[in-house]
Amino acid sequence: MPVKTECRERAMRAYLSGEVDHHGAREIMGVLDREIGQALPGSLELDLSGVSFMDSSGIAVVIRAWRRMGELGGTMRLRSVPHQARRVLETAGIHKLMPLE
């Protein structure tokens, strides 16, 4: 499973792993949509430490989760972003929307 989530109180952490590309993005989005919808967190942290590759589909995953959190009035940040994924996200300007840690 490319996504594992845990939620404590209203803080959710989602661990993404493997390749976040057009093959896996739909599944990742589905899991995140379902988990966010069930937990209704006030904050979401995407931990990308297990991501081995990311392309523009990964940007779509991040933006979709960010928009969903915005609908809930929540916050979002990215944690443990690998070098390759960081380049993709920074090129897209994601670092202007949320912290990349």
PDB file of N, CA and C in Angstrom:
ATOM      1  N   MET A   1       0.846  -1.177   0.000  1.00  0.00           N
ATOM      2  CA  MET A   1       0.000   0.000   0.000  1.00  0.00           C
ATOM      3  C   MET A   1       0.892   1.241   0.000  1.00  0.00           C
ATOM      4  N   PRO A   2       0.713   2.137  -0.949  1.00  0.00           N
ATOM      5  CA  PRO A   2       1.575   3.313  -1.045  1.00  0.00           C
ATOM      6  C   PRO A   2       1.256   4.417  -0.030  1.00  0.00           C
ATOM      7  N   VAL A   3       0.180   4.240   0.762  1.00  0.00           N
ATOM      8  CA  VAL A   3      -0.190   5.246   1.763  1.00  0.00           C
ATOM      9  C   VAL A   3      -0.567   4.552   3.058  1.00  0.00           C
ATOM     10  N   LYS A   4      -0.023   5.048   4.141  1.00  0.00           N
ATOM     11  CA  LYS A   4      -0.402   4.588   5.472  1.00  0.00           C
ATOM     12  C   LYS A   4      -0.721   5.840   6.273  1.00  0.00           C
ATOM     13  N   THR A   5      -1.837   5.844   6.980  1.00  0.00           N
ATOM     14  CA  THR A   5      -2.213   7.030   7.747  1.00  0.00           C
ATOM     15  C   THR A   5      -2.343   6.700   9.224  1.00  0.00           C
ATOM     16  N   GLU A   6      -2.148   7.737  10.010  1.00  0.00           N
ATOM     17  CA  GLU A   6      -2.430   7.650  11.441  1.00  0.00           C
ATOM     18  C   GLU A   6      -3.001   9.002  11.853  1.00  0.00           C
ATOM     19  N   CYS A   7      -3.922   8.959  12.788  1.00  0.00           N
ATOM     20  CA  CYS A   7      -4.565  10.189  13.221  1.00  0.00           C
ATOM     21  C   CYS A   7      -4.645  10.195  14.742  1.00  0.00           C
ATOM     22  N   ARG A   8      -4.174  11.260  15.324  1.00  0.00           N
ATOM     23  CA  ARG A   8      -4.258  11.467  16.766  1.00  0.00           C
ATOM     24  C   ARG A   8      -4.955  12.787  16.984  1.00  0.00           C
ATOM     25  N   GLU A   9      -6.076  12.691  17.690  1.00  0.00           N
ATOM     26  CA  GLU A   9      -6.942  13.840  17.885  1.00  0.00           C
ATOM     27  C   GLU A   9      -7.320  14.368  16.508  1.00  0.00           C
ATOM     28  N   ARG A  10      -6.979  15.577  16.166  1.00  0.00           N
ATOM     29  CA  ARG A  10      -7.346  16.100  14.845  1.00  0.00           C
ATOM     30  C   ARG A  10      -6.116  16.303  13.967  1.00  0.00           C
ATOM     31  N   ALA A  11      -5.027  15.625  14.299  1.00  0.00           N
ATOM     32  CA  ALA A  11      -3.790  15.724  13.508  1.00  0.00           C
ATOM     33  C   ALA A  11      -3.574  14.406  12.765  1.00  0.00           C
ATOM     34  N   MET A  12      -3.534  14.489  11.451  1.00  0.00           N
ATOM     35  CA  MET A  12      -3.322  13.297  10.632  1.00  0.00           C
ATOM     36  C   MET A  12      -1.941  13.338  10.004  1.00  0.00           C
ATOM     37  N   ARG A  13      -1.303  12.189   9.985  1.00  0.00           N
ATOM     38  CA  ARG A  13      -0.032  12.043   9.287  1.00  0.00           C
ATOM     39  C   ARG A  13      -0.212  10.915   8.277  1.00  0.00           C
ATOM     40  N   ALA A  14       0.163  11.192   7.035  1.00  0.00           N
ATOM     41  CA  ALA A  14       0.082  10.189   5.974  1.00  0.00           C
ATOM     42  C   ALA A  14       1.481   9.934   5.446  1.00  0.00           C
ATOM     43  N   TYR A  15       1.849   8.674   5.395  1.00  0.00           N
ATOM     44  CA  TYR A  15       3.159   8.256   4.915  1.00  0.00           C
ATOM     45  C   TYR A  15       2.994   7.729   3.492  1.00  0.00           C
ATOM     46  N   LEU A  16       3.633   8.392   2.545  1.00  0.00           N
ATOM     47  CA  LEU A  16       3.595   7.949   1.157  1.00  0.00           C
ATOM     48  C   LEU A  16       4.877   7.182   0.859  1.00  0.00           C
ATOM     49  N   SER A  17       4.759   6.159   0.006  1.00  0.00           N
ATOM     50  CA  SER A  17       5.942   5.382  -0.329  1.00  0.00           C
ATOM     51  C   SER A  17       5.900   4.948  -1.789  1.00  0.00           C
ATOM     52  N   GLY A  18       7.071   4.612  -2.297  1.00  0.00           N
ATOM     53  CA  GLY A  18       7.188   4.139  -3.663  1.00  0.00           C
ATOM     54  C   GLY A  18       7.176   5.276  -4.667  1.00  0.00           C
ATOM     55  N   GLU A  19       6.704   4.970  -5.857  1.00  0.00           N
ATOM     56  CA  GLU A  19       6.676   5.948  -6.935  1.00  0.00           C
ATOM     57  C   GLU A  19       5.323   6.655  -6.956  1.00  0.00           C
ATOM     58  N   VAL A  20       5.370   7.968  -6.881  1.00  0.00           N
ATOM     59  CA  VAL A  20       4.150   8.774  -6.959  1.00  0.00           C
ATOM     60  C   VAL A  20       4.097   9.317  -8.382  1.00  0.00           C
ATOM     61  N   ASP A  21       3.567   8.469  -9.268  1.00  0.00           N
ATOM     62  CA  ASP A  21       3.476   8.805 -10.688  1.00  0.00           C
ATOM     63  C   ASP A  21       2.052   8.532 -11.156  1.00  0.00           C
ATOM     64  N   HIS A  22       1.831   8.590 -12.455  1.00  0.00           N
ATOM     65  CA  HIS A  22       0.463   8.427 -12.960  1.00  0.00           C
ATOM     66  C   HIS A  22      -0.120   7.053 -12.658  1.00  0.00           C
ATOM     67  N   HIS A  23       0.713   6.061 -12.411  1.00  0.00           N
ATOM     68  CA  HIS A  23       0.209   4.727 -12.085  1.00  0.00           C
ATOM     69  C   HIS A  23      -0.323   4.656 -10.655  1.00  0.00           C
ATOM     70  N   GLY A  24       0.325   5.330  -9.730  1.00  0.00           N
ATOM     71  CA  GLY A  24      -0.065   5.236  -8.327  1.00  0.00           C
ATOM     72  C   GLY A  24      -0.877   6.392  -7.791  1.00  0.00           C
ATOM     73  N   ALA A  25      -0.912   7.495  -8.519  1.00  0.00           N
ATOM     74  CA  ALA A  25      -1.558   8.708  -8.007  1.00  0.00           C
ATOM     75  C   ALA A  25      -3.044   8.513  -7.714  1.00  0.00           C
ATOM     76  N   ARG A  26      -3.740   7.822  -8.584  1.00  0.00           N
ATOM     77  CA  ARG A  26      -5.189   7.629  -8.375  1.00  0.00           C
ATOM     78  C   ARG A  26      -5.460   6.880  -7.075  1.00  0.00           C
ATOM     79  N   GLU A  27      -4.694   5.834  -6.812  1.00  0.00           N
ATOM     80  CA  GLU A  27      -4.874   5.069  -5.573  1.00  0.00           C
ATOM     81  C   GLU A  27      -4.546   5.928  -4.356  1.00  0.00           C
ATOM     82  N   ILE A  28      -3.452   6.678  -4.443  1.00  0.00           N
ATOM     83  CA  ILE A  28      -3.054   7.547  -3.330  1.00  0.00           C
ATOM     84  C   ILE A  28      -4.144   8.582  -3.056  1.00  0.00           C
ATOM     85  N   MET A  29      -4.654   9.208  -4.116  1.00  0.00           N
ATOM     86  CA  MET A  29      -5.720  10.203  -3.941  1.00  0.00           C
ATOM     87  C   MET A  29      -6.957   9.580  -3.304  1.00  0.00           C
ATOM     88  N   GLY A  30      -7.299   8.381  -3.727  1.00  0.00           N
ATOM     89  CA  GLY A  30      -8.468   7.706  -3.169  1.00  0.00           C
ATOM     90  C   GLY A  30      -8.323   7.442  -1.686  1.00  0.00           C
ATOM     91  N   VAL A  31      -7.153   6.960  -1.290  1.00  0.00           N
ATOM     92  CA  VAL A  31      -6.902   6.685   0.127  1.00  0.00           C
ATOM     93  C   VAL A  31      -6.935   7.989   0.928  1.00  0.00           C
ATOM     94  N   LEU A  32      -6.251   9.015   0.432  1.00  0.00           N
ATOM     95  CA  LEU A  32      -6.233  10.289   1.158  1.00  0.00           C
ATOM     96  C   LEU A  32      -7.639  10.892   1.260  1.00  0.00           C
ATOM     97  N   ASP A  33      -8.394  10.878   0.165  1.00  0.00           N
ATOM     98  CA  ASP A  33      -9.769  11.399   0.199  1.00  0.00           C
ATOM     99  C   ASP A  33     -10.601  10.673   1.252  1.00  0.00           C
ATOM    100  N   ARG A  34     -10.524   9.355   1.263  1.00  0.00           N
ATOM    101  CA  ARG A  34     -11.296   8.552   2.209  1.00  0.00           C
ATOM    102  C   ARG A  34     -10.878   8.828   3.654  1.00  0.00           C
ATOM    103  N   GLU A  35      -9.577   8.826   3.904  1.00  0.00           N
ATOM    104  CA  GLU A  35      -9.092   9.014   5.266  1.00  0.00           C
ATOM    105  C   GLU A  35      -9.384  10.429   5.788  1.00  0.00           C
ATOM    106  N   ILE A  36      -9.191  11.424   4.942  1.00  0.00           N
ATOM    107  CA  ILE A  36      -9.492  12.798   5.350  1.00  0.00           C
ATOM    108  C   ILE A  36     -10.991  12.945   5.597  1.00  0.00           C
ATOM    109  N   GLY A  37     -11.804  12.358   4.738  1.00  0.00           N
ATOM    110  CA  GLY A  37     -13.252  12.425   4.899  1.00  0.00           C
ATOM    111  C   GLY A  37     -13.741  11.774   6.180  1.00  0.00           C
ATOM    112  N   GLN A  38     -13.094  10.710   6.598  1.00  0.00           N
ATOM    113  CA  GLN A  38     -13.490  10.018   7.825  1.00  0.00           C
ATOM    114  C   GLN A  38     -13.010  10.739   9.075  1.00  0.00           C
ATOM    115  N   ALA A  39     -11.771  11.205   9.054  1.00  0.00           N
ATOM    116  CA  ALA A  39     -11.170  11.797  10.252  1.00  0.00           C
ATOM    117  C   ALA A  39     -11.463  13.288  10.404  1.00  0.00           C
ATOM    118  N   LEU A  40     -11.689  13.984   9.289  1.00  0.00           N
ATOM    119  CA  LEU A  40     -11.876  15.441   9.296  1.00  0.00           C
ATOM    120  C   LEU A  40     -10.801  16.136  10.137  1.00  0.00           C
ATOM    121  N   PRO A  41      -9.533  15.932   9.784  1.00  0.00           N
ATOM    122  CA  PRO A  41      -8.437  16.480  10.597  1.00  0.00           C
ATOM    123  C   PRO A  41      -8.323  17.998  10.482  1.00  0.00           C
ATOM    124  N   GLY A  42      -7.723  18.578  11.509  1.00  0.00           N
ATOM    125  CA  GLY A  42      -7.423  20.005  11.479  1.00  0.00           C
ATOM    126  C   GLY A  42      -6.073  20.279  10.842  1.00  0.00           C
ATOM    127  N   SER A  43      -5.236  19.247  10.802  1.00  0.00           N
ATOM    128  CA  SER A  43      -3.935  19.379  10.145  1.00  0.00           C
ATOM    129  C   SER A  43      -3.579  18.057   9.481  1.00  0.00           C
ATOM    130  N   LEU A  44      -2.851  18.189   8.393  1.00  0.00           N
ATOM    131  CA  LEU A  44      -2.380  17.022   7.652  1.00  0.00           C
ATOM    132  C   LEU A  44      -0.906  17.203   7.369  1.00  0.00           C
ATOM    133  N   GLU A  45      -0.145  16.178   7.684  1.00  0.00           N
ATOM    134  CA  GLU A  45       1.275  16.152   7.379  1.00  0.00           C
ATOM    135  C   GLU A  45       1.520  14.975   6.440  1.00  0.00           C
ATOM    136  N   LEU A  46       2.015  15.271   5.246  1.00  0.00           N
ATOM    137  CA  LEU A  46       2.390  14.212   4.315  1.00  0.00           C
ATOM    138  C   LEU A  46       3.875  13.933   4.489  1.00  0.00           C
ATOM    139  N   ASP A  47       4.190  12.749   4.926  1.00  0.00           N
ATOM    140  CA  ASP A  47       5.575  12.325   5.100  1.00  0.00           C
ATOM    141  C   ASP A  47       5.995  11.616   3.815  1.00  0.00           C
ATOM    142  N   LEU A  48       6.941  12.204   3.106  1.00  0.00           N
ATOM    143  CA  LEU A  48       7.370  11.682   1.812  1.00  0.00           C
ATOM    144  C   LEU A  48       8.688  10.918   1.893  1.00  0.00           C
ATOM    145  N   SER A  49       9.120  10.568   3.081  1.00  0.00           N
ATOM    146  CA  SER A  49      10.428   9.919   3.242  1.00  0.00           C
ATOM    147  C   SER A  49      10.538   8.608   2.466  1.00  0.00           C
ATOM    148  N   GLY A  50       9.431   7.924   2.214  1.00  0.00           N
ATOM    149  CA  GLY A  50       9.464   6.659   1.492  1.00  0.00           C
ATOM    150  C   GLY A  50       9.252   6.786  -0.010  1.00  0.00           C
ATOM    151  N   VAL A  51       9.165   8.013  -0.508  1.00  0.00           N
ATOM    152  CA  VAL A  51       8.922   8.229  -1.935  1.00  0.00           C
ATOM    153  C   VAL A  51      10.231   8.092  -2.711  1.00  0.00           C
ATOM    154  N   SER A  52      10.250   7.187  -3.686  1.00  0.00           N
ATOM    155  CA  SER A  52      11.460   6.964  -4.471  1.00  0.00           C
ATOM    156  C   SER A  52      11.463   7.775  -5.770  1.00  0.00           C
ATOM    157  N   PHE A  53      10.280   8.203  -6.217  1.00  0.00           N
ATOM    158  CA  PHE A  53      10.171   8.988  -7.446  1.00  0.00           C
ATOM    159  C   PHE A  53       8.853   9.738  -7.429  1.00  0.00           C
ATOM    160  N   MET A  54       8.869  10.967  -7.965  1.00  0.00           N
ATOM    161  CA  MET A  54       7.644  11.748  -8.085  1.00  0.00           C
ATOM    162  C   MET A  54       7.670  12.504  -9.396  1.00  0.00           C
ATOM    163  N   ASP A  55       6.510  12.523 -10.088  1.00  0.00           N
ATOM    164  CA  ASP A  55       6.378  13.334 -11.291  1.00  0.00           C
ATOM    165  C   ASP A  55       5.201  14.289 -11.096  1.00  0.00           C
ATOM    166  N   SER A  56       4.681  14.848 -12.173  1.00  0.00           N
ATOM    167  CA  SER A  56       3.610  15.824 -12.067  1.00  0.00           C
ATOM    168  C   SER A  56       2.346  15.253 -11.425  1.00  0.00           C
ATOM    169  N   SER A  57       2.164  13.959 -11.481  1.00  0.00           N
ATOM    170  CA  SER A  57       1.021  13.342 -10.807  1.00  0.00           C
ATOM    171  C   SER A  57       1.133  13.500  -9.295  1.00  0.00           C
ATOM    172  N   GLY A  58       2.356  13.531  -8.797  1.00  0.00           N
ATOM    173  CA  GLY A  58       2.571  13.778  -7.375  1.00  0.00           C
ATOM    174  C   GLY A  58       2.157  15.184  -6.986  1.00  0.00           C
ATOM    175  N   ILE A  59       2.387  16.128  -7.877  1.00  0.00           N
ATOM    176  CA  ILE A  59       1.940  17.499  -7.633  1.00  0.00           C
ATOM    177  C   ILE A  59       0.416  17.509  -7.500  1.00  0.00           C
ATOM    178  N   ALA A  60      -0.263  16.784  -8.374  1.00  0.00           N
ATOM    179  CA  ALA A  60      -1.723  16.712  -8.322  1.00  0.00           C
ATOM    180  C   ALA A  60      -2.200  16.110  -6.998  1.00  0.00           C
ATOM    181  N   VAL A  61      -1.516  15.092  -6.513  1.00  0.00           N
ATOM    182  CA  VAL A  61      -1.863  14.478  -5.229  1.00  0.00           C
ATOM    183  C   VAL A  61      -1.753  15.513  -4.111  1.00  0.00           C
ATOM    184  N   VAL A  62      -0.651  16.237  -4.086  1.00  0.00           N
ATOM    185  CA  VAL A  62      -0.409  17.229  -3.042  1.00  0.00           C
ATOM    186  C   VAL A  62      -1.447  18.356  -3.114  1.00  0.00           C
ATOM    187  N   ILE A  63      -1.704  18.865  -4.300  1.00  0.00           N
ATOM    188  CA  ILE A  63      -2.667  19.957  -4.460  1.00  0.00           C
ATOM    189  C   ILE A  63      -4.072  19.515  -4.061  1.00  0.00           C
ATOM    190  N   ARG A  64      -4.453  18.314  -4.441  1.00  0.00           N
ATOM    191  CA  ARG A  64      -5.790  17.827  -4.080  1.00  0.00           C
ATOM    192  C   ARG A  64      -5.949  17.723  -2.567  1.00  0.00           C
ATOM    193  N   ALA A  65      -4.950  17.186  -1.887  1.00  0.00           N
ATOM    194  CA  ALA A  65      -5.009  17.087  -0.427  1.00  0.00           C
ATOM    195  C   ALA A  65      -5.027  18.479   0.204  1.00  0.00           C
ATOM    196  N   TRP A  66      -4.226  19.391  -0.321  1.00  0.00           N
ATOM    197  CA  TRP A  66      -4.169  20.764   0.187  1.00  0.00           C
ATOM    198  C   TRP A  66      -5.528  21.457   0.041  1.00  0.00           C
ATOM    199  N   ARG A  67      -6.162  21.273  -1.108  1.00  0.00           N
ATOM    200  CA  ARG A  67      -7.493  21.869  -1.324  1.00  0.00           C
ATOM    201  C   ARG A  67      -8.519  21.282  -0.370  1.00  0.00           C
ATOM    202  N   ARG A  68      -8.464  19.973  -0.175  1.00  0.00           N
ATOM    203  CA  ARG A  68      -9.409  19.319   0.756  1.00  0.00           C
ATOM    204  C   ARG A  68      -9.211  19.837   2.170  1.00  0.00           C
ATOM    205  N   MET A  69      -7.957  20.003   2.571  1.00  0.00           N
ATOM    206  CA  MET A  69      -7.694  20.545   3.904  1.00  0.00           C
ATOM    207  C   MET A  69      -8.187  21.992   3.997  1.00  0.00           C
ATOM    208  N   GLY A  70      -8.053  22.749   2.923  1.00  0.00           N
ATOM    209  CA  GLY A  70      -8.566  24.113   2.899  1.00  0.00           C
ATOM    210  C   GLY A  70     -10.070  24.149   3.071  1.00  0.00           C
ATOM    211  N   GLU A  71     -10.774  23.211   2.450  1.00  0.00           N
ATOM    212  CA  GLU A  71     -12.227  23.115   2.615  1.00  0.00           C
ATOM    213  C   GLU A  71     -12.611  22.867   4.065  1.00  0.00           C
ATOM    214  N   LEU A  72     -11.763  22.155   4.779  1.00  0.00           N
ATOM    215  CA  LEU A  72     -12.017  21.848   6.190  1.00  0.00           C
ATOM    216  C   LEU A  72     -11.499  22.941   7.120  1.00  0.00           C
ATOM    217  N   GLY A  73     -10.843  23.950   6.557  1.00  0.00           N
ATOM    218  CA  GLY A  73     -10.251  24.994   7.385  1.00  0.00           C
ATOM    219  C   GLY A  73      -8.980  24.543   8.074  1.00  0.00           C
ATOM    220  N   GLY A  74      -8.359  23.508   7.540  1.00  0.00           N
ATOM    221  CA  GLY A  74      -7.166  22.942   8.149  1.00  0.00           C
ATOM    222  C   GLY A  74      -5.880  23.396   7.476  1.00  0.00           C
ATOM    223  N   THR A  75      -4.785  22.879   7.979  1.00  0.00           N
ATOM    224  CA  THR A  75      -3.462  23.201   7.458  1.00  0.00           C
ATOM    225  C   THR A  75      -2.794  21.935   6.935  1.00  0.00           C
ATOM    226  N   MET A  76      -1.765  22.145   6.143  1.00  0.00           N
ATOM    227  CA  MET A  76      -1.035  21.013   5.582  1.00  0.00           C
ATOM    228  C   MET A  76       0.427  21.374   5.445  1.00  0.00           C
ATOM    229  N   ARG A  77       1.279  20.371   5.630  1.00  0.00           N
ATOM    230  CA  ARG A  77       2.714  20.542   5.402  1.00  0.00           C
ATOM    231  C   ARG A  77       3.282  19.239   4.870  1.00  0.00           C
ATOM    232  N   LEU A  78       4.429  19.354   4.234  1.00  0.00           N
ATOM    233  CA  LEU A  78       5.133  18.196   3.696  1.00  0.00           C
ATOM    234  C   LEU A  78       6.384  17.975   4.519  1.00  0.00           C
ATOM    235  N   ARG A  79       6.647  16.728   4.841  1.00  0.00           N
ATOM    236  CA  ARG A  79       7.769  16.407   5.717  1.00  0.00           C
ATOM    237  C   ARG A  79       8.661  15.357   5.058  1.00  0.00           C
ATOM    238  N   SER A  80       9.938  15.433   5.364  1.00  0.00           N
ATOM    239  CA  SER A  80      10.933  14.456   4.894  1.00  0.00           C
ATOM    240  C   SER A  80      10.873  14.283   3.384  1.00  0.00           C
ATOM    241  N   VAL A  81      10.946  15.403   2.684  1.00  0.00           N
ATOM    242  CA  VAL A  81      10.827  15.401   1.227  1.00  0.00           C
ATOM    243  C   VAL A  81      12.171  15.029   0.607  1.00  0.00           C
ATOM    244  N   PRO A  82      12.236  13.908  -0.130  1.00  0.00           N
ATOM    245  CA  PRO A  82      13.487  13.519  -0.784  1.00  0.00           C
ATOM    246  C   PRO A  82      13.898  14.540  -1.847  1.00  0.00           C
ATOM    247  N   HIS A  83      15.170  14.539  -2.170  1.00  0.00           N
ATOM    248  CA  HIS A  83      15.735  15.527  -3.092  1.00  0.00           C
ATOM    249  C   HIS A  83      14.992  15.595  -4.430  1.00  0.00           C
ATOM    250  N   GLN A  84      14.765  14.460  -5.061  1.00  0.00           N
ATOM    251  CA  GLN A  84      14.111  14.456  -6.374  1.00  0.00           C
ATOM    252  C   GLN A  84      12.692  15.005  -6.279  1.00  0.00           C
ATOM    253  N   ALA A  85      11.940  14.594  -5.268  1.00  0.00           N
ATOM    254  CA  ALA A  85      10.572  15.091  -5.085  1.00  0.00           C
ATOM    255  C   ALA A  85      10.582  16.581  -4.752  1.00  0.00           C
ATOM    256  N   ARG A  86      11.558  17.014  -3.979  1.00  0.00           N
ATOM    257  CA  ARG A  86      11.670  18.434  -3.631  1.00  0.00           C
ATOM    258  C   ARG A  86      11.854  19.285  -4.884  1.00  0.00           C
ATOM    259  N   ARG A  87      12.688  18.825  -5.799  1.00  0.00           N
ATOM    260  CA  ARG A  87      12.893  19.577  -7.051  1.00  0.00           C
ATOM    261  C   ARG A  87      11.599  19.700  -7.835  1.00  0.00           C
ATOM    262  N   VAL A  88      10.848  18.608  -7.937  1.00  0.00           N
ATOM    263  CA  VAL A  88       9.572  18.623  -8.654  1.00  0.00           C
ATOM    264  C   VAL A  88       8.602  19.597  -7.981  1.00  0.00           C
ATOM    265  N   LEU A  89       8.489  19.510  -6.664  1.00  0.00           N
ATOM    266  CA  LEU A  89       7.539  20.345  -5.931  1.00  0.00           C
ATOM    267  C   LEU A  89       7.941  21.820  -5.945  1.00  0.00           C
ATOM    268  N   GLU A  90       9.224  22.098  -5.798  1.00  0.00           N
ATOM    269  CA  GLU A  90       9.671  23.491  -5.830  1.00  0.00           C
ATOM    270  C   GLU A  90       9.509  24.092  -7.218  1.00  0.00           C
ATOM    271  N   THR A  91       9.762  23.312  -8.256  1.00  0.00           N
ATOM    272  CA  THR A  91       9.575  23.803  -9.617  1.00  0.00           C
ATOM    273  C   THR A  91       8.115  24.201  -9.852  1.00  0.00           C
ATOM    274  N   ALA A  92       7.205  23.461  -9.232  1.00  0.00           N
ATOM    275  CA  ALA A  92       5.777  23.756  -9.372  1.00  0.00           C
ATOM    276  C   ALA A  92       5.310  24.872  -8.423  1.00  0.00           C
ATOM    277  N   GLY A  93       6.184  25.317  -7.525  1.00  0.00           N
ATOM    278  CA  GLY A  93       5.829  26.398  -6.604  1.00  0.00           C
ATOM    279  C   GLY A  93       5.068  25.937  -5.367  1.00  0.00           C
ATOM    280  N   ILE A  94       5.072  24.649  -5.087  1.00  0.00           N
ATOM    281  CA  ILE A  94       4.343  24.114  -3.924  1.00  0.00           C
ATOM    282  C   ILE A  94       4.883  24.717  -2.628  1.00  0.00           C
ATOM    283  N   HIS A  95       6.166  25.003  -2.591  1.00  0.00           N
ATOM    284  CA  HIS A  95       6.763  25.566  -1.372  1.00  0.00           C
ATOM    285  C   HIS A  95       6.174  26.933  -1.020  1.00  0.00           C
ATOM    286  N   LYS A  96       5.493  27.572  -1.953  1.00  0.00           N
ATOM    287  CA  LYS A  96       4.834  28.856  -1.681  1.00  0.00           C
ATOM    288  C   LYS A  96       3.472  28.642  -1.006  1.00  0.00           C
ATOM    289  N   LEU A  97       2.934  27.443  -1.122  1.00  0.00           N
ATOM    290  CA  LEU A  97       1.627  27.136  -0.537  1.00  0.00           C
ATOM    291  C   LEU A  97       1.716  26.502   0.847  1.00  0.00           C
ATOM    292  N   MET A  98       2.777  25.726   1.064  1.00  0.00           N
ATOM    293  CA  MET A  98       2.915  25.009   2.319  1.00  0.00           C
ATOM    294  C   MET A  98       4.379  24.717   2.600  1.00  0.00           C
ATOM    295  N   PRO A  99       4.704  24.508   3.875  1.00  0.00           N
ATOM    296  CA  PRO A  99       6.110  24.217   4.209  1.00  0.00           C
ATOM    297  C   PRO A  99       6.568  22.863   3.656  1.00  0.00           C
ATOM    298  N   LEU A 100       7.801  22.847   3.161  1.00  0.00           N
ATOM    299  CA  LEU A 100       8.484  21.613   2.771  1.00  0.00           C
ATOM    300  C   LEU A 100       9.591  21.408   3.793  1.00  0.00           C
ATOM    301  N   GLU A 101       9.432  20.419   4.621  1.00  0.00           N
ATOM    302  CA  GLU A 101      10.416  20.208   5.695  1.00  0.00           C
ATOM    303  C   GLU A 101      11.262  18.993   5.428  1.00  0.00           C
TER     304      GLU A 101
END
